Amino acid sequence: MKPGAARIPETTEQTAIGGTALLVGAVLDGIPENAAIGIGLGSEGSDLGLVLLAAVFLGNVPESISSAVGVRQEGRSRAYIVGVWGAVTVGCVLATVTGYALLGGLSPNMVSAVLALAAGGILAMLADTMFPEAFEHGGPWVAMATAVGFAVAFLLSQATG
């Protein structure tokens, strides 16, 4: 990390690109991850689906806040921001319902494949948009928080069986 990088202000263009990238990332990783929630509810029962729901919610709150700030600094209205995030929410809910209704009865191997695709989408979005900015502003503590987050997710998955 460049010394003093956290104190260097981003330009409006950099912030807007980051906000738009996060919004696009939310769509690209949100659809598979919400389909995975639906599949988890349909094939594994409510425990896996609820763990996935909690993980997705906790992961998407900072993403959506960061995106909203960036898009707002781009000059978009609050109505626009609420509208696009509302559309993302509706798309993700539809993906959950579709995952439950159409994909919940998949074989365990296919469920694993879809869950791996969802996990890959999440990791790709994090690596491309969230981690660089987080490391720039948060330094080495970001790595520790990420490791703790993965450990908590693992422990939750083990606790629910």
Protein backbone atom coordinates (compact mmCIF):
# COMPACT_ATOMS: atom_id res chain seq x y z
CA MET A 1 0.00 0.00 0.00
CA LYS A 2 1.28 3.42 -0.93
CA PRO A 3 2.01 5.52 2.20
CA GLY A 4 -0.81 7.99 2.80
CA ALA A 5 -3.06 6.40 0.15
CA ALA A 6 -6.06 6.50 2.47
CA ARG A 7 -5.79 10.31 2.58
CA ILE A 8 -5.68 10.76 -1.20
CA PRO A 9 -9.18 11.72 -2.32
CA GLU A 10 -10.75 9.87 -5.22
CA THR A 11 -11.87 11.87 -8.19
CA THR A 12 -15.60 11.98 -8.93
CA GLU A 13 -14.98 9.81 -11.98
CA GLN A 14 -13.15 7.14 -9.94
CA THR A 15 -15.91 7.05 -7.34
CA ALA A 16 -18.64 6.88 -9.97
CA ILE A 17 -16.92 4.06 -11.84
CA GLY A 18 -16.57 2.19 -8.54
CA GLY A 19 -20.24 2.73 -7.72
CA THR A 20 -21.40 1.57 -11.14
CA ALA A 21 -19.03 -1.41 -11.05
CA LEU A 22 -20.43 -2.44 -7.68
CA LEU A 23 -23.98 -2.16 -9.01
CA VAL A 24 -23.14 -4.33 -12.01
CA GLY A 25 -21.28 -6.73 -9.71
CA ALA A 26 -24.34 -6.98 -7.48
CA VAL A 27 -26.40 -8.10 -10.45
CA LEU A 28 -23.76 -10.52 -11.79
CA ASP A 29 -23.16 -12.22 -8.47
CA GLY A 30 -26.63 -11.63 -7.02
CA ILE A 31 -28.53 -13.77 -9.50
CA PRO A 32 -26.47 -16.96 -8.97
CA GLU A 33 -26.15 -16.47 -5.23
CA ASN A 34 -29.89 -15.94 -4.81
CA ALA A 35 -30.61 -18.92 -7.03
CA ALA A 36 -28.31 -20.84 -4.65
CA ILE A 37 -30.43 -19.68 -1.71
CA GLY A 38 -33.54 -21.02 -3.47
CA ILE A 39 -31.79 -24.29 -4.28
CA GLY A 40 -30.61 -24.55 -0.69
CA LEU A 41 -34.14 -24.04 0.57
CA GLY A 42 -35.48 -26.63 -1.88
CA SER A 43 -32.84 -29.33 -1.58
CA GLU A 44 -31.21 -28.99 1.81
CA GLY A 45 -34.06 -27.58 3.87
CA SER A 46 -34.29 -24.21 5.50
CA ASP A 47 -31.01 -24.37 7.44
CA LEU A 48 -28.69 -24.02 4.43
CA GLY A 49 -30.97 -21.47 2.78
CA LEU A 50 -31.07 -19.32 5.91
CA VAL A 51 -27.28 -19.44 6.31
CA LEU A 52 -26.87 -18.43 2.67
CA LEU A 53 -29.47 -15.68 3.08
CA ALA A 54 -27.63 -14.26 6.11
CA ALA A 55 -24.27 -14.42 4.32
CA VAL A 56 -25.63 -12.77 1.18
CA PHE A 57 -27.37 -10.05 3.16
CA LEU A 58 -24.30 -9.27 5.25
CA GLY A 59 -22.09 -9.26 2.16
CA ASN A 60 -24.37 -7.07 0.10
CA VAL A 61 -25.02 -4.32 2.64
CA PRO A 62 -21.55 -2.71 2.35
CA GLU A 63 -21.55 -3.35 -1.41
CA SER A 64 -24.86 -1.56 -1.89
CA ILE A 65 -23.93 1.34 0.37
CA SER A 66 -20.62 1.84 -1.41
CA SER A 67 -22.32 1.63 -4.80
CA ALA A 68 -25.05 4.07 -3.81
CA VAL A 69 -22.49 6.61 -2.59
CA GLY A 70 -20.46 6.30 -5.80
CA VAL A 71 -23.47 6.57 -8.08
CA ARG A 72 -24.78 9.53 -6.06
CA GLN A 73 -21.42 11.30 -6.45
CA GLU A 74 -21.76 10.68 -10.17
CA GLY A 75 -24.77 12.99 -10.00
CA ARG A 76 -27.60 10.46 -10.12
CA SER A 77 -30.73 11.22 -8.15
CA ARG A 78 -31.86 9.39 -5.04
CA ALA A 79 -34.89 8.18 -7.01
CA TYR A 80 -32.58 6.65 -9.63
CA ILE A 81 -30.51 4.90 -6.96
CA VAL A 82 -33.58 3.53 -5.18
CA GLY A 83 -35.02 2.47 -8.54
CA VAL A 84 -31.96 0.55 -9.75
CA TRP A 85 -31.40 -1.09 -6.39
CA GLY A 86 -35.11 -1.91 -6.26
CA ALA A 87 -34.77 -3.60 -9.66
CA VAL A 88 -31.71 -5.53 -8.44
CA THR A 89 -33.70 -6.63 -5.39
CA VAL A 90 -36.64 -7.80 -7.50
CA GLY A 91 -34.28 -9.70 -9.83
CA CYS A 92 -32.61 -11.39 -6.89
CA VAL A 93 -35.94 -12.34 -5.30
CA LEU A 94 -37.05 -13.82 -8.61
CA ALA A 95 -33.78 -15.77 -8.80
CA THR A 96 -34.45 -17.15 -5.30
CA VAL A 97 -37.99 -18.19 -6.22
CA THR A 98 -36.79 -19.71 -9.49
CA GLY A 99 -34.00 -21.57 -7.70
CA TYR A 100 -36.46 -22.98 -5.21
CA ALA A 101 -39.23 -23.83 -7.68
CA LEU A 102 -37.23 -25.12 -10.63
CA LEU A 103 -33.86 -26.17 -9.28
CA GLY A 104 -34.61 -27.35 -5.73
CA GLY A 105 -34.89 -30.98 -6.80
CA LEU A 106 -31.49 -31.20 -8.48
CA SER A 107 -29.11 -34.02 -7.68
CA PRO A 108 -26.50 -33.31 -5.00
CA ASN A 109 -23.79 -33.04 -7.70
CA MET A 110 -25.76 -30.43 -9.64
CA VAL A 111 -26.55 -28.51 -6.44
CA SER A 112 -22.81 -28.46 -5.71
CA ALA A 113 -22.08 -27.20 -9.23
CA VAL A 114 -24.61 -24.36 -8.95
CA LEU A 115 -23.34 -23.42 -5.48
CA ALA A 116 -19.77 -23.40 -6.82
CA LEU A 117 -20.87 -21.10 -9.67
CA ALA A 118 -22.51 -18.76 -7.16
CA ALA A 119 -19.41 -18.78 -4.95
CA GLY A 120 -17.22 -18.06 -7.98
CA GLY A 121 -19.40 -15.09 -8.92
CA ILE A 122 -19.14 -13.71 -5.40
CA LEU A 123 -15.37 -14.14 -5.28
CA ALA A 124 -14.90 -12.60 -8.73
CA MET A 125 -16.93 -9.53 -7.77
CA LEU A 126 -15.08 -9.19 -4.47
CA ALA A 127 -11.66 -9.54 -6.08
CA ASP A 128 -12.46 -7.11 -8.88
CA THR A 129 -14.34 -4.34 -7.12
CA MET A 130 -14.37 -4.63 -3.34
CA PHE A 131 -10.90 -5.81 -2.31
CA PRO A 132 -8.82 -3.18 -4.14
CA GLU A 133 -10.75 -0.30 -2.62
CA ALA A 134 -10.96 -1.96 0.77
CA PHE A 135 -7.19 -2.55 0.89
CA GLU A 136 -6.54 1.00 -0.30
CA HIS A 137 -8.61 2.51 2.50
CA GLY A 138 -8.39 -0.15 5.22
CA GLY A 139 -4.92 -1.58 4.88
CA PRO A 140 -3.97 -4.92 6.40
CA TRP A 141 -7.02 -5.02 8.68
CA VAL A 142 -9.11 -5.82 5.62
CA ALA A 143 -7.29 -9.13 5.23
CA MET A 144 -7.95 -9.98 8.88
CA ALA A 145 -11.63 -9.06 8.59
CA THR A 146 -11.92 -11.19 5.43
CA ALA A 147 -10.33 -14.19 7.14
CA VAL A 148 -12.59 -13.79 10.18
CA GLY A 149 -15.62 -13.52 7.88
CA PHE A 150 -14.72 -16.76 6.12
CA ALA A 151 -14.16 -18.46 9.48
CA VAL A 152 -17.56 -17.30 10.75
CA ALA A 153 -19.24 -18.51 7.55
CA PHE A 154 -17.53 -21.88 7.93
CA LEU A 155 -18.56 -22.17 11.58
CA LEU A 156 -22.16 -21.26 10.69
CA SER A 157 -22.21 -23.93 8.00
CA GLN A 158 -20.86 -26.50 10.44
CA ALA A 159 -23.30 -25.49 13.17
CA THR A 160 -26.29 -25.98 10.88
CA GLY A 161 -25.13 -29.35 9.75
